[in-house]
Amino acid sequence: MKISKLAGVLEQAFKNDVKVLTVGEPGIGKTAAVHQAATKLGYDVVDFSSPIEDPTTIRGYPIKTETGPARHLLFEKLYKLINATRPTVAFFDDLGMAGEATLKAVLQLIQFKYLDGQRLPDYVVITAATNDVDRASGVANFLEPLKTRFHAVIPVETSAEDVIDYGARKNWEPEVLAYLQCFPEAVLERQEKDVRSVRVQHASPRGWENVSTLLRAGITQPEAIEGAVGVGRGREFYNFRRLQRRLPNLTDIFNQPDKAPLPDDPSVSYMLSSLIVRQVTEQNIANALRYLRRVGEAYITFAVRLLIRKNDKVVDWPAFQAWITTEGQSIMEILKKLE
């Protein structure tokens, strides 16, 4: 399943108390999809960072009562679940990285929704995410009985289109979006070897989000970029950013869209398209589209896609509606096929 479809599936799962285990590469957006679905539904989320949990934090701390059997004193997260008074998602993140004893404690909770003789309220739904065992991600084993307690185990994968759309919604830096459009294979480089060095990084959607964060913070040194996405992609991106020196002036583009100079390189054209999207308003979108039409169909398609992902109200702007009517129908059809 494409990662872009996962949030919609989880929405349906949450509404119908269906337990889903999501499996995929590290850093592709599994956690973000859970929170996106919960936010859209208005549900609370109680996050469990599975690698640092142990049986005690799952079942509670054993205490002796003055009369009757021993009981367990629940820690904060479980206490919240037991006492939930509104729809709440219990999310076990990185479940495969938990120790075996913890996984066994989680098994009972997931299967029966019981804790120390207390049943979780019907308000509470359970979901989990994990990396697969064949990746260098700390997942050495996953209990088969636990896996079968989920209604569905859904493998997810990502693509350049998914990551670019996500980045547009999250307002990533334009250079990152343009680079990934030019080099879609850089979105995710699978880590085939069990690399143990802290120094070694590889490109992933999470890594590119980190690159955007670095740029926004003014940290542009190549060593920092390499520390987010690896040496090879980091150096390539650093050199890509230097293309900004060849960009036309944005003020000229918005003021004189029929006369402003055009870029002479595909990479520059993608970067320019992304930068134009960052500056577009309801007042200047008509001139922006006029200029992008001159740059070429591939670039105006890329820019319109970013615009819609960044702000879906763009489609209601009168100037955008006029553009669709006069010349934009074919491009909108292309974008529908990418959904």
Foldseek 3Di string as FASTA:
>chain_A
DAPVCLLVVVLVCLVVLAEEEEEEDPFAQPVVSNVVNCVVVVAAEQEDAQLPDALCQLQACWDQDPDDHIFHHHDDSVVCQQPPPAAYEYEYEQNLLHDPRSLVSVQCCLQQCDHRNGHGDPSYHYYYYHYDCQALPNRPDDDPSSVVSGPYYHYYDYWLLRLLLVCLQVVFDLLLSLVCVVPGVQQFDGDNDNDDDLQAAAHHSNLSSVVSVCVVVVNLDLSVNCSRHHNPVSVVSSVLVVCVVQAWDLVCQQVPLPPTDEGDDSSNLSSNLSVNLVVDDLVRVLSNLSNNVVNHDVSSLSSVSSNCSRPVCVCVRPSNVVCCVPPVVVSVVVVVVVD
